[in-house]
Amino acid sequence: MPQLFDSDSAVPSSETFELRDDGRSASAALEGEVDAILDKALGGGEITVDEGARLFDATGDELTPLLAAADRLRREAVGDAVTYVVNRNINFTNVCVKQCGFCAFSRGHRADEGYYLPDEEVLRRAKEAVEMGATEVCVQAGLAPGMDGWHYVDLLKSIKAALPGLHVHAFSPEEVLYGSGLAGVSVAEYLAALKEAGIGSLPGTSAEILVDEVRDLISPGRITTAQWLHLIRTAHELGIPTTSTMMYGHLETAHHKALHLSRLRELQKETGGFTEFVPLGFIADEAPMHRKRRPKGLRSGPSGIETLKMYAVSRIMLHGWIHNIQVSWVKEGLKLGQVGLMAGANDLGGTLINESISTAAGSGHGQLQTPSRLRAAAREMGRLPVERDTLYHKLHIFDDPAADPQDPLDSIDDAASLFGSYHDLIQRPEHRFKAHLAQAGAERKISL
């Protein structure tokens, strides 16, 4: 494909507006190029990285057919069902040995706002989630210094012993890599131990952009692209399903995003282990690389149109391989999430109950969405709301609004007061990480 855009910009270069020999303007030819790519996709063809990048650069009159094509492929793949899961996030510590430029959640081990939830508090929260109708808990955290390498496995065992029927969706690739390193075993051995302990699935987070030249700028020292792909592949080979994600709206280009999707697609062809794809817009407000050490060219998160294009191009490039595209009400709010259902997405994510990571970064969309609000959002779009489990098995199909149940979460007026909030947690004295270190005698293990 010819180079249509300058390498540093998504804006067509001046040369593209010269008239061609056949009398058509180059801008018209560009629109025709998008039409050709969409025709190929609708005909069952696989979209290349260059073609995906061109769709990410769509603008103006190209947007309507792009969104319409994605919506058609969504309907072919999953029909008109809009799914959601009743779940709870449990981020047991915000203390981390890494200092990623996009992360406003983490704290250093001596920070006054560093916290660490003991196992009994994690278990209490999991039990409370089940009482509220949750079928899943999502357990992720910072990489705490001084931690025993087998802590993730032991924590999982304690949850499953008390709540054997609960799906534990836990531990990012970054956490698994960290735990295996501390334990002195291979990633495969560590994943096998998690499986034996009862892991249900892994979050496909810590992916950011699967292009190392970008990763080196936004998260130096973090898990590499090759390590992420290897770890996820190994999990799938062991029979552990995972989600997949992308964080966008910072330094990446259209080509980077398309390459990321292509790498997910190729891995899915090998293993079939991805359950969903979740695009995650960068939230800049409190991010260190936005506030303190801003790299050249950093954007302040995706625009609304960029968000819709992400859903659309993801649906088009992943069609036939990853069926479920999730909107993030945490990142974008439920209103824009609804619109995403017109652009190729089919899943509204989870109730969450406690949302900390995006909240710490400056998101103002709250920590809980109730089942009734998620169902109402789907119905406003003329879609059928369906409660699912983590692996997309349908649990309840809500085809009659009059017969909707009164879910326990629907009676919650103030989630922060009942369940606690991130901002409250970082101020409360009883779970200080410094106290945890002192009690564990682990201070000596931390290199200062």
Protein backbone atom coordinates (compact mmCIF):
# COMPACT_ATOMS: atom_id res chain seq x y z
CA MET A 1 0.00 0.00 0.00
CA PRO A 2 1.41 3.47 -0.84
CA GLN A 3 2.36 5.81 2.00
CA LEU A 4 -0.68 8.06 2.33
CA PHE A 5 0.20 9.92 5.49
CA ASP A 6 3.22 11.59 6.95
CA SER A 7 4.81 9.29 9.52
CA ASP A 8 4.31 11.72 12.42
CA SER A 9 0.71 12.67 11.73
CA ALA A 10 -2.68 11.25 10.85
CA VAL A 11 -3.30 14.29 8.66
CA PRO A 12 -2.87 13.72 4.91
CA SER A 13 0.23 15.35 3.49
CA SER A 14 -0.19 18.15 0.97
CA GLU A 15 0.78 15.92 -1.94
CA THR A 16 -2.32 13.76 -1.48
CA PHE A 17 -4.60 16.56 -2.68
CA GLU A 18 -3.14 16.80 -6.19
CA LEU A 19 -5.47 15.78 -9.02
CA ARG A 20 -4.78 12.38 -10.52
CA ASP A 21 -4.61 11.57 -14.23
CA ASP A 22 -8.18 10.28 -14.27
CA GLY A 23 -9.47 13.62 -12.95
CA ARG A 24 -10.39 12.29 -9.49
CA SER A 25 -9.00 14.13 -6.48
CA ALA A 26 -6.73 12.15 -4.20
CA SER A 27 -9.15 12.79 -1.33
CA ALA A 28 -11.87 10.97 -3.25
CA ALA A 29 -9.45 8.16 -3.94
CA LEU A 30 -8.73 7.91 -0.22
CA GLU A 31 -12.43 7.55 0.51
CA GLY A 32 -12.62 4.86 -2.15
CA GLU A 33 -9.76 3.06 -0.47
CA VAL A 34 -11.69 2.85 2.81
CA ASP A 35 -14.73 1.55 0.92
CA ALA A 36 -12.58 -1.15 -0.67
CA ILE A 37 -11.20 -2.24 2.70
CA LEU A 38 -14.69 -2.41 4.19
CA ASP A 39 -15.97 -4.40 1.20
CA LYS A 40 -13.13 -6.83 1.74
CA ALA A 41 -13.99 -7.21 5.43
CA LEU A 42 -17.71 -7.67 4.78
CA GLY A 43 -16.85 -10.28 2.18
CA GLY A 44 -14.94 -12.33 4.72
CA GLY A 45 -11.44 -11.12 3.90
CA GLU A 46 -8.80 -10.61 6.56
CA ILE A 47 -7.68 -7.02 7.06
CA THR A 48 -3.94 -6.41 7.01
CA VAL A 49 -2.04 -4.19 9.41
CA ASP A 50 -1.71 -1.44 6.80
CA GLU A 51 -5.41 -1.64 5.99
CA GLY A 52 -6.28 -1.55 9.69
CA ALA A 53 -4.10 1.54 10.11
CA ARG A 54 -5.92 3.19 7.22
CA LEU A 55 -9.26 2.52 8.93
CA PHE A 56 -7.94 4.03 12.16
CA ASP A 57 -7.14 7.15 10.12
CA ALA A 58 -10.66 7.34 8.65
CA THR A 59 -12.28 10.75 8.90
CA GLY A 60 -15.27 12.75 7.67
CA ASP A 61 -17.58 10.87 5.35
CA GLU A 62 -15.53 7.70 5.84
CA LEU A 63 -16.76 7.33 9.42
CA THR A 64 -20.38 6.41 8.75
CA PRO A 65 -19.62 3.36 6.55
CA LEU A 66 -16.83 2.32 8.94
CA LEU A 67 -19.16 2.22 11.93
CA ALA A 68 -21.93 0.60 9.90
CA ALA A 69 -19.62 -2.17 8.66
CA ALA A 70 -18.45 -2.89 12.21
CA ASP A 71 -22.04 -2.96 13.45
CA ARG A 72 -22.98 -5.44 10.72
CA LEU A 73 -20.08 -7.73 11.61
CA ARG A 74 -21.07 -7.48 15.27
CA ARG A 75 -24.57 -8.65 14.40
CA GLU A 76 -23.18 -11.55 12.36
CA ALA A 77 -20.86 -12.61 15.18
CA VAL A 78 -23.01 -12.28 18.31
CA GLY A 79 -26.45 -11.08 17.28
CA ASP A 80 -28.29 -8.40 19.24
CA ALA A 81 -27.46 -9.59 22.75
CA VAL A 82 -25.66 -7.08 25.00
CA THR A 83 -23.90 -8.89 27.79
CA TYR A 84 -22.63 -7.93 31.24
CA VAL A 85 -21.21 -9.73 34.28
CA VAL A 86 -21.92 -9.14 37.97
CA ASN A 87 -18.46 -8.93 39.50
CA ARG A 88 -16.24 -7.13 41.98
CA ASN A 89 -12.72 -5.75 41.65
CA ILE A 90 -10.34 -6.39 44.54
CA ASN A 91 -7.05 -4.49 44.19
CA PHE A 92 -5.30 -5.73 47.31
CA THR A 93 -2.34 -3.32 47.20
CA ASN A 94 -1.38 -0.14 45.38
CA VAL A 95 2.32 -0.47 46.21
CA CYS A 96 4.48 -1.34 43.23
CA VAL A 97 8.14 -1.75 42.36
CA LYS A 98 7.48 -0.38 38.85
CA GLN A 99 6.98 3.28 37.96
CA CYS A 100 4.92 3.28 34.76
CA GLY A 101 4.25 6.68 33.25
CA PHE A 102 0.54 6.01 32.71
CA CYS A 103 -0.21 4.66 36.20
CA ALA A 104 -1.60 6.96 38.87
CA PHE A 105 -2.67 4.04 41.06
CA SER A 106 0.71 2.82 42.33
CA ARG A 107 2.65 4.14 45.32
CA GLY A 108 6.17 3.54 46.61
CA HIS A 109 6.68 1.23 49.58
CA ARG A 110 7.24 4.13 52.00
CA ALA A 111 4.41 6.31 50.72
CA ASP A 112 1.81 7.34 53.27
CA GLU A 113 -0.93 6.40 50.79
CA GLY A 114 0.42 2.89 50.21
CA TYR A 115 -1.99 0.18 51.39
CA TYR A 116 -2.02 -3.60 51.57
CA LEU A 117 -5.13 -5.66 52.27
CA PRO A 118 -4.53 -8.80 54.33
CA ASP A 119 -5.89 -12.08 53.02
CA GLU A 120 -8.81 -12.04 55.45
CA GLU A 121 -9.95 -8.65 54.08
CA VAL A 122 -9.67 -9.90 50.50
CA LEU A 123 -11.76 -12.91 51.47
CA ARG A 124 -14.33 -10.73 53.26
CA ARG A 125 -14.73 -8.64 50.12
CA ALA A 126 -15.11 -11.74 47.97
CA LYS A 127 -17.82 -13.13 50.27
CA GLU A 128 -19.61 -9.78 50.25
CA ALA A 129 -19.51 -9.82 46.45
CA VAL A 130 -21.20 -13.22 46.34
CA GLU A 131 -23.90 -11.92 48.70
CA MET A 132 -24.47 -9.12 46.19
CA GLY A 133 -24.98 -11.62 43.37
CA ALA A 134 -21.48 -11.60 41.89
CA THR A 135 -20.28 -14.64 39.97
CA GLU A 136 -16.72 -13.30 39.60
CA VAL A 137 -14.06 -11.45 41.52
CA CYS A 138 -11.24 -9.78 39.61
CA VAL A 139 -8.10 -9.71 41.75
CA GLN A 140 -5.19 -7.54 40.57
CA ALA A 141 -2.72 -5.32 42.36
CA GLY A 142 0.63 -3.59 42.31
CA LEU A 143 3.87 -5.57 42.47
CA ALA A 144 4.52 -5.29 46.18
CA PRO A 145 8.15 -5.42 47.32
CA GLY A 146 9.00 -7.96 49.99
CA MET A 147 6.19 -10.24 48.83
CA ASP A 148 6.56 -13.99 48.95
CA GLY A 149 6.66 -15.40 45.43
CA TRP A 150 3.84 -17.85 46.10
CA HIS A 151 1.51 -15.24 47.58
CA TYR A 152 -0.72 -15.13 44.49
CA VAL A 153 -1.18 -18.91 44.59
CA ASP A 154 -1.82 -18.96 48.35
CA LEU A 155 -4.33 -16.09 48.11
CA LEU A 156 -6.16 -17.91 45.34
CA LYS A 157 -6.30 -21.10 47.41
CA SER A 158 -7.84 -19.25 50.35
CA ILE A 159 -10.55 -17.72 48.15
CA LYS A 160 -11.42 -20.99 46.44
CA ALA A 161 -11.46 -22.91 49.74
CA ALA A 162 -14.08 -20.54 51.13
CA LEU A 163 -15.97 -19.90 47.87
CA PRO A 164 -15.45 -22.90 45.57
CA GLY A 165 -18.15 -21.83 43.12
CA LEU A 166 -16.78 -18.32 42.58
CA HIS A 167 -14.88 -17.60 39.36
CA VAL A 168 -11.58 -15.96 40.26
CA HIS A 169 -10.35 -13.84 37.36
CA ALA A 170 -6.97 -12.83 38.66
CA PHE A 171 -3.35 -11.80 38.23
CA SER A 172 -2.17 -9.95 35.16
CA PRO A 173 0.73 -11.25 33.04
CA GLU A 174 2.92 -8.70 34.83
CA GLU A 175 1.94 -10.20 38.20
CA VAL A 176 2.46 -13.78 37.02
CA LEU A 177 5.90 -12.89 35.68
CA TYR A 178 6.74 -11.16 38.98
CA GLY A 179 5.49 -14.05 41.10
CA SER A 180 7.33 -16.68 39.07
CA GLY A 181 10.55 -14.68 39.33
CA LEU A 182 10.26 -14.34 43.11
CA ALA A 183 9.40 -18.03 43.43
CA GLY A 184 12.31 -19.05 41.22
CA VAL A 185 10.22 -21.13 38.81
CA SER A 186 9.31 -20.84 35.15
CA VAL A 187 6.20 -19.03 33.97
CA ALA A 188 4.74 -22.39 32.89
CA GLU A 189 5.31 -23.89 36.35
CA TYR A 190 3.75 -20.87 38.03
CA LEU A 191 0.72 -20.92 35.76
CA ALA A 192 0.31 -24.64 36.40
CA ALA A 193 0.30 -23.93 40.15
CA LEU A 194 -2.38 -21.26 39.66
CA LYS A 195 -4.47 -23.68 37.63
CA GLU A 196 -4.18 -26.36 40.30
CA ALA A 197 -5.20 -23.79 42.91
CA GLY A 198 -8.38 -23.03 40.95
CA ILE A 199 -7.75 -20.00 38.76
CA GLY A 200 -10.67 -19.36 36.46
CA SER A 201 -9.03 -17.00 33.97
CA LEU A 202 -6.35 -14.34 33.69
CA PRO A 203 -6.90 -10.67 32.85
CA GLY A 204 -5.12 -9.77 29.64
CA THR A 205 -3.99 -6.48 31.12
CA SER A 206 -0.42 -5.09 31.17
CA ALA A 207 -0.57 -5.32 27.38
CA GLU A 208 -0.75 -1.55 26.83
CA ILE A 209 0.50 -1.41 23.21
CA LEU A 210 2.25 -4.58 22.07
CA VAL A 211 5.03 -2.62 20.39
CA ASP A 212 8.24 -2.29 22.38
CA GLU A 213 9.24 1.11 21.00
CA VAL A 214 6.09 2.53 22.62
CA ARG A 215 6.36 0.42 25.77
CA ASP A 216 9.89 1.68 26.35
CA LEU A 217 8.54 5.23 26.50
CA ILE A 218 5.46 4.75 28.66
CA SER A 219 6.54 1.84 30.90
CA PRO A 220 10.29 1.16 30.80
CA GLY A 221 11.21 -2.03 32.64
CA ARG A 222 7.73 -3.48 32.32
CA ILE A 223 6.92 -6.85 30.74
CA THR A 224 7.98 -6.88 27.08
CA THR A 225 5.80 -7.67 24.09
CA ALA A 226 7.50 -11.05 23.63
CA GLN A 227 7.11 -11.92 27.31
CA TRP A 228 3.43 -10.93 27.32
CA LEU A 229 2.68 -13.02 24.24
CA HIS A 230 4.65 -15.98 25.58
CA LEU A 231 2.93 -15.88 28.95
CA ILE A 232 -0.56 -15.62 27.45
CA ARG A 233 0.22 -18.39 24.95
CA THR A 234 1.43 -20.61 27.79
CA ALA A 235 -1.72 -19.90 29.81
CA HIS A 236 -3.90 -20.85 26.85
CA GLU A 237 -1.90 -24.03 26.25
CA LEU A 238 -2.50 -24.99 29.88
CA GLY A 239 -6.23 -24.45 29.44
CA ILE A 240 -6.41 -21.10 31.25
CA PRO A 241 -8.50 -18.61 29.23
CA THR A 242 -7.65 -14.91 29.25
CA THR A 243 -9.04 -11.61 28.14
CA SER A 244 -7.09 -9.24 25.88
CA THR A 245 -6.70 -5.47 26.16
CA MET A 246 -5.11 -2.40 24.60
CA MET A 247 -4.41 0.96 26.21
CA TYR A 248 -4.56 3.74 23.62
CA GLY A 249 -4.76 7.50 23.33
CA HIS A 250 -1.19 8.35 24.41
CA LEU A 251 1.86 8.00 22.12
CA GLU A 252 0.78 5.22 19.79
CA THR A 253 0.07 5.64 16.09
CA ALA A 254 -2.63 4.11 13.91
CA HIS A 255 -0.06 1.56 12.72
CA HIS A 256 0.82 0.60 16.30
CA LYS A 257 -2.84 -0.04 17.12
CA ALA A 258 -3.36 -2.14 14.01
CA LEU A 259 -0.18 -4.10 14.72
CA HIS A 260 -1.36 -4.77 18.28
CA LEU A 261 -4.68 -6.14 16.98
CA SER A 262 -2.88 -8.26 14.42
CA ARG A 263 -0.70 -9.81 17.13
CA LEU A 264 -3.77 -10.65 19.22
CA ARG A 265 -5.44 -12.16 16.16
CA GLU A 266 -2.45 -14.33 15.29
CA LEU A 267 -2.22 -15.63 18.86
CA GLN A 268 -5.94 -16.37 18.87
CA LYS A 269 -5.51 -18.39 15.69
CA GLU A 270 -2.94 -20.51 17.52
CA THR A 271 -4.73 -21.02 20.82
CA GLY A 272 -8.34 -19.84 20.77
CA GLY A 273 -7.91 -18.79 24.40
CA PHE A 274 -9.09 -15.16 24.34
CA THR A 275 -12.62 -14.59 25.59
CA GLU A 276 -12.87 -10.89 24.73
CA PHE A 277 -11.04 -7.76 23.67
CA VAL A 278 -11.25 -4.67 25.89
CA PRO A 279 -9.92 -1.34 24.54
CA LEU A 280 -8.90 0.94 27.42
CA GLY A 281 -8.59 4.64 26.76
CA PHE A 282 -5.66 6.37 28.46
CA ILE A 283 -6.80 8.61 31.33
CA ALA A 284 -4.31 11.43 31.56
CA ASP A 285 -5.48 13.63 34.42
CA GLU A 286 -3.32 12.14 37.19
CA ALA A 287 -0.91 10.07 35.10
CA PRO A 288 2.73 10.81 35.97
CA MET A 289 3.81 11.11 32.34
CA HIS A 290 1.09 13.70 31.79
CA ARG A 291 1.69 15.72 34.96
CA LYS A 292 5.42 15.40 35.59
CA ARG A 293 7.57 14.16 32.74
CA ARG A 294 5.53 14.65 29.63
CA PRO A 295 7.10 12.99 26.57
CA LYS A 296 6.92 14.75 23.23
CA GLY A 297 3.73 14.02 21.34
CA LEU A 298 1.77 12.70 24.33
CA ARG A 299 -1.99 12.97 23.84
CA SER A 300 -4.44 13.51 26.69
CA GLY A 301 -6.41 10.35 26.04
CA PRO A 302 -8.59 9.41 23.08
CA SER A 303 -11.33 11.63 21.68
CA GLY A 304 -14.88 10.36 21.33
CA ILE A 305 -14.40 9.63 17.63
CA GLU A 306 -11.10 7.87 18.29
CA THR A 307 -12.90 5.70 20.84
CA LEU A 308 -15.61 4.74 18.35
CA LYS A 309 -13.02 4.00 15.67
CA MET A 310 -11.22 1.74 18.14
CA TYR A 311 -14.37 -0.34 18.66
CA ALA A 312 -15.07 -0.44 14.94
CA VAL A 313 -11.59 -1.37 13.72
CA SER A 314 -11.22 -3.92 16.51
CA ARG A 315 -14.44 -5.60 15.43
CA ILE A 316 -13.35 -5.60 11.81
CA MET A 317 -9.79 -6.86 12.35
CA LEU A 318 -10.73 -9.46 14.97
CA HIS A 319 -13.87 -10.69 13.19
CA GLY A 320 -14.09 -14.46 13.17
CA TRP A 321 -11.51 -14.84 15.92
CA ILE A 322 -12.42 -12.80 19.02
CA HIS A 323 -16.19 -12.46 19.15
CA ASN A 324 -16.68 -10.18 22.14
CA ILE A 325 -15.68 -6.50 22.15
CA GLN A 326 -16.21 -4.76 25.50
CA VAL A 327 -16.85 -1.10 26.11
CA SER A 328 -15.35 0.44 29.24
CA TRP A 329 -17.91 2.50 31.15
CA VAL A 330 -15.14 3.16 33.68
CA LYS A 331 -13.05 4.96 31.08
CA GLU A 332 -15.74 6.57 28.94
CA GLY A 333 -18.92 6.62 30.96
CA LEU A 334 -22.05 4.66 30.21
CA LYS A 335 -23.31 7.21 27.66
CA LEU A 336 -20.37 6.83 25.28
CA GLY A 337 -20.34 3.12 26.07
CA GLN A 338 -23.88 2.92 24.71
CA VAL A 339 -22.78 4.57 21.47
CA GLY A 340 -19.97 2.03 21.26
CA LEU A 341 -22.67 -0.62 20.89
CA MET A 342 -23.37 0.96 17.49
CA ALA A 343 -19.71 0.72 16.49
CA GLY A 344 -19.03 -2.98 16.87
CA ALA A 345 -19.07 -3.56 20.64
CA ASN A 346 -21.43 -6.04 22.27
CA ASP A 347 -20.46 -6.19 25.96
CA LEU A 348 -20.88 -3.63 28.75
CA GLY A 349 -18.33 -5.19 31.08
CA GLY A 350 -18.97 -5.70 34.76
CA THR A 351 -20.64 -4.07 37.71
CA LEU A 352 -17.15 -3.82 39.34
CA ILE A 353 -18.46 -2.59 42.76
CA ASN A 354 -14.97 -1.27 43.56
CA GLU A 355 -13.05 0.49 40.81
CA SER A 356 -9.69 1.93 41.83
CA ILE A 357 -7.23 2.10 38.95
CA SER A 358 -9.14 4.41 36.61
CA THR A 359 -10.47 6.38 39.57
CA ALA A 360 -6.91 7.04 40.73
CA ALA A 361 -6.07 8.30 37.25
CA GLY A 362 -8.90 10.84 37.35
CA SER A 363 -11.89 9.03 35.88
CA GLY A 364 -15.15 10.39 37.27
CA HIS A 365 -17.53 7.63 36.23
CA GLY A 366 -17.80 5.96 39.61
CA GLN A 367 -17.03 2.53 41.02
CA LEU A 368 -20.28 0.68 40.37
CA GLN A 369 -22.83 0.17 37.63
CA THR A 370 -25.91 -1.69 38.80
CA PRO A 371 -27.40 -4.53 36.73
CA SER A 372 -30.59 -2.54 36.14
CA ARG A 373 -28.65 0.41 34.67
CA LEU A 374 -26.71 -1.92 32.39
CA ARG A 375 -29.92 -3.56 31.21
CA ALA A 376 -31.53 -0.17 30.61
CA ALA A 377 -28.53 0.96 28.56
CA ALA A 378 -28.86 -2.10 26.32
CA ARG A 379 -32.60 -1.71 25.89
CA GLU A 380 -32.29 1.94 24.91
CA MET A 381 -30.21 0.72 21.96
CA GLY A 382 -32.90 -1.77 20.99
CA ARG A 383 -30.76 -4.67 22.16
CA LEU A 384 -31.39 -7.69 24.38
CA PRO A 385 -29.69 -7.54 27.81
CA VAL A 386 -28.06 -10.78 28.95
CA GLU A 387 -26.23 -11.50 32.19
CA ARG A 388 -23.22 -13.70 31.47
CA ASP A 389 -20.46 -15.33 33.44
CA THR A 390 -16.76 -14.58 32.93
CA LEU A 391 -16.44 -17.07 30.06
CA TYR A 392 -19.52 -15.71 28.25
CA HIS A 393 -21.94 -18.44 29.18
CA LYS A 394 -25.41 -16.89 29.28
CA LEU A 395 -26.89 -16.95 32.78
CA HIS A 396 -30.05 -14.85 32.40
CA ILE A 397 -31.75 -13.51 29.28
CA PHE A 398 -33.90 -10.48 30.09
CA ASP A 399 -36.41 -10.38 27.25
CA ASP A 400 -39.27 -8.97 29.39
CA PRO A 401 -38.54 -5.75 31.30
CA ALA A 402 -41.57 -6.32 33.49
CA ALA A 403 -40.05 -9.56 34.76
CA ASP A 404 -36.66 -8.10 35.71
CA PRO A 405 -35.51 -9.12 39.19
CA GLN A 406 -34.59 -6.74 41.98
CA ASP A 407 -30.86 -7.38 42.15
CA PRO A 408 -29.13 -6.77 45.50
CA LEU A 409 -26.87 -4.18 43.88
CA ASP A 410 -29.86 -2.23 42.58
CA SER A 411 -30.74 -1.21 46.15
CA ILE A 412 -27.34 0.41 46.77
CA ASP A 413 -27.58 4.19 47.02
CA ASP A 414 -23.99 4.93 48.06
CA ALA A 415 -21.48 2.32 46.92
CA ALA A 416 -18.50 4.14 48.44
CA SER A 417 -20.04 4.18 51.91
CA LEU A 418 -21.06 0.53 51.83
CA PHE A 419 -18.15 -1.06 49.99
CA GLY A 420 -15.40 1.48 50.61
CA SER A 421 -13.65 3.54 47.93
CA TYR A 422 -10.12 3.97 46.68
CA HIS A 423 -9.86 7.53 47.98
CA ASP A 424 -11.03 6.37 51.39
CA LEU A 425 -8.72 3.36 51.41
CA ILE A 426 -5.53 5.33 50.77
CA GLN A 427 -6.33 7.54 53.79
CA ARG A 428 -7.32 4.87 56.31
CA PRO A 429 -4.63 3.85 58.81
CA GLU A 430 -5.48 0.19 59.38
CA HIS A 431 -4.08 -1.17 56.11
CA ARG A 432 -0.87 0.84 55.73
CA PHE A 433 1.74 -0.98 53.68
CA LYS A 434 4.51 0.31 55.96
CA ALA A 435 2.83 -1.42 58.90
CA HIS A 436 2.47 -4.60 56.85
CA LEU A 437 6.19 -4.54 56.05
CA ALA A 438 7.15 -4.01 59.64
CA GLN A 439 4.92 -6.84 60.79
CA ALA A 440 6.30 -9.17 58.13
CA GLY A 441 9.87 -8.18 58.87
CA ALA A 442 10.31 -7.59 55.15
CA GLU A 443 11.87 -4.13 55.20
CA ARG A 444 15.35 -5.60 55.05
CA LYS A 445 14.48 -7.36 51.76
CA ILE A 446 13.80 -4.12 49.92
CA SER A 447 16.66 -2.52 48.08
CA LEU A 448 16.56 1.23 48.57
